[in-house]
Amino acid sequence: MNTATYYVAQGFELTKGGRLVAGQAQQAQSASAAIRRAENMAGKGGAIAFSRTGDPASGDFEDARILKTFGLIPEDFV
């Protein structure tokens, strides 16, 4: 098994109706870069930085590991 770790920042915007809507996820080169990117995305609601490790060839990945959250995050992400 050939494993890889992906680092991701995901932002969320708060709509006028009070719902959190996911923005486009952005991949980063490292955990610290994902955290910085998420912090920058958090201005309109919230953001989360996370990592996933697994085998890209087989599609088998471990559960996401939360690195840091900022602002408002949907409950099912935490």
C-alpha atoms as a PDB file:
ATOM      1  CA  MET A   1       0.000   0.000   0.000  1.00  0.00           C
ATOM      2  CA  ASN A   2       1.343   3.392  -1.035  1.00  0.00           C
ATOM      3  CA  THR A   3       0.020   6.065   1.350  1.00  0.00           C
ATOM      4  CA  ALA A   4      -0.208   9.809   0.957  1.00  0.00           C
ATOM      5  CA  THR A   5      -1.440  12.587   3.230  1.00  0.00           C
ATOM      6  CA  TYR A   6      -3.515  15.417   1.836  1.00  0.00           C
ATOM      7  CA  TYR A   7      -3.930  18.726   3.669  1.00  0.00           C
ATOM      8  CA  VAL A   8      -7.111  20.682   2.999  1.00  0.00           C
ATOM      9  CA  ALA A   9      -8.747  23.972   3.964  1.00  0.00           C
ATOM     10  CA  GLN A  10     -12.551  24.221   3.665  1.00  0.00           C
ATOM     11  CA  GLY A  11     -14.417  27.493   4.144  1.00  0.00           C
ATOM     12  CA  PHE A  12     -18.074  28.056   5.046  1.00  0.00           C
ATOM     13  CA  GLU A  13     -20.211  31.126   4.408  1.00  0.00           C
ATOM     14  CA  LEU A  14     -23.173  32.139   6.505  1.00  0.00           C
ATOM     15  CA  THR A  15     -26.180  32.906   4.276  1.00  0.00           C
ATOM     16  CA  LYS A  16     -28.726  35.627   5.004  1.00  0.00           C
ATOM     17  CA  GLY A  17     -31.062  32.829   6.060  1.00  0.00           C
ATOM     18  CA  GLY A  18     -28.577  31.709   8.725  1.00  0.00           C
ATOM     19  CA  ARG A  19     -27.352  28.533   6.984  1.00  0.00           C
ATOM     20  CA  LEU A  20     -23.712  27.570   6.597  1.00  0.00           C
ATOM     21  CA  VAL A  21     -22.820  26.791   2.993  1.00  0.00           C
ATOM     22  CA  ALA A  22     -19.544  25.104   2.053  1.00  0.00           C
ATOM     23  CA  GLY A  23     -17.184  26.926  -0.276  1.00  0.00           C
ATOM     24  CA  GLN A  24     -14.624  25.222  -2.481  1.00  0.00           C
ATOM     25  CA  ALA A  25     -12.051  23.119  -0.647  1.00  0.00           C
ATOM     26  CA  GLN A  26      -8.419  23.996  -1.306  1.00  0.00           C
ATOM     27  CA  GLN A  27      -5.506  21.595  -1.021  1.00  0.00           C
ATOM     28  CA  ALA A  28      -2.339  22.781   0.733  1.00  0.00           C
ATOM     29  CA  GLN A  29       1.265  21.558   0.829  1.00  0.00           C
ATOM     30  CA  SER A  30       1.468  21.095   4.621  1.00  0.00           C
ATOM     31  CA  ALA A  31      -0.548  21.165   7.823  1.00  0.00           C
ATOM     32  CA  SER A  32       0.610  24.685   8.665  1.00  0.00           C
ATOM     33  CA  ALA A  33      -0.272  25.927   5.164  1.00  0.00           C
ATOM     34  CA  ALA A  34      -3.771  24.402   5.450  1.00  0.00           C
ATOM     35  CA  ILE A  35      -4.255  26.100   8.827  1.00  0.00           C
ATOM     36  CA  ARG A  36      -3.144  29.502   7.457  1.00  0.00           C
ATOM     37  CA  ARG A  37      -5.404  29.114   4.420  1.00  0.00           C
ATOM     38  CA  ALA A  38      -8.396  28.149   6.595  1.00  0.00           C
ATOM     39  CA  GLU A  39      -7.800  31.129   8.861  1.00  0.00           C
ATOM     40  CA  ASN A  40      -7.896  33.408   5.799  1.00  0.00           C
ATOM     41  CA  MET A  41     -11.122  31.742   4.563  1.00  0.00           C
ATOM     42  CA  ALA A  42     -12.951  32.158   7.878  1.00  0.00           C
ATOM     43  CA  GLY A  43     -13.965  35.799   7.432  1.00  0.00           C
ATOM     44  CA  LYS A  44     -17.451  35.114   5.991  1.00  0.00           C
ATOM     45  CA  GLY A  45     -18.511  32.435   8.461  1.00  0.00           C
ATOM     46  CA  GLY A  46     -15.911  29.853   9.358  1.00  0.00           C
ATOM     47  CA  ALA A  47     -13.358  27.384   8.089  1.00  0.00           C
ATOM     48  CA  ILE A  48     -11.695  24.117   8.928  1.00  0.00           C
ATOM     49  CA  ALA A  49      -8.247  22.704   8.189  1.00  0.00           C
ATOM     50  CA  PHE A  50      -7.937  18.928   8.062  1.00  0.00           C
ATOM     51  CA  SER A  51      -5.786  16.106   6.724  1.00  0.00           C
ATOM     52  CA  ARG A  52      -6.558  12.704   5.232  1.00  0.00           C
ATOM     53  CA  THR A  53      -4.119   9.819   4.887  1.00  0.00           C
ATOM     54  CA  GLY A  54      -4.595   6.800   2.689  1.00  0.00           C
ATOM     55  CA  ASP A  55      -3.890   5.009  -0.548  1.00  0.00           C
ATOM     56  CA  PRO A  56      -4.886   7.096  -3.591  1.00  0.00           C
ATOM     57  CA  ALA A  57      -4.715   4.055  -5.901  1.00  0.00           C
ATOM     58  CA  SER A  58      -7.250   2.020  -3.932  1.00  0.00           C
ATOM     59  CA  GLY A  59      -9.273   4.939  -2.560  1.00  0.00           C
ATOM     60  CA  ASP A  60      -8.920   3.629   1.018  1.00  0.00           C
ATOM     61  CA  PHE A  61      -8.509   6.589   3.366  1.00  0.00           C
ATOM     62  CA  GLU A  62      -8.555   6.991   7.135  1.00  0.00           C
ATOM     63  CA  ASP A  63     -11.057   9.354   8.719  1.00  0.00           C
ATOM     64  CA  ALA A  64     -10.151  13.016   8.381  1.00  0.00           C
ATOM     65  CA  ARG A  65      -8.044  14.486  11.170  1.00  0.00           C
ATOM     66  CA  ILE A  66      -9.087  18.012  12.153  1.00  0.00           C
ATOM     67  CA  LEU A  67      -6.085  20.325  12.427  1.00  0.00           C
ATOM     68  CA  LYS A  68      -7.887  23.530  13.446  1.00  0.00           C
ATOM     69  CA  THR A  69     -11.268  25.255  13.152  1.00  0.00           C
ATOM     70  CA  PHE A  70     -12.132  28.949  12.866  1.00  0.00           C
ATOM     71  CA  GLY A  71     -15.517  30.621  13.375  1.00  0.00           C
ATOM     72  CA  LEU A  72     -18.729  28.783  12.589  1.00  0.00           C
ATOM     73  CA  ILE A  73     -18.486  25.152  11.433  1.00  0.00           C
ATOM     74  CA  PRO A  74     -21.402  22.791  10.694  1.00  0.00           C
ATOM     75  CA  GLU A  75     -21.871  20.347  13.584  1.00  0.00           C
ATOM     76  CA  ASP A  76     -21.337  17.306  11.391  1.00  0.00           C
ATOM     77  CA  PHE A  77     -17.769  18.474  10.615  1.00  0.00           C
ATOM     78  CA  VAL A  78     -16.568  18.460  14.212  1.00  0.00           C
END
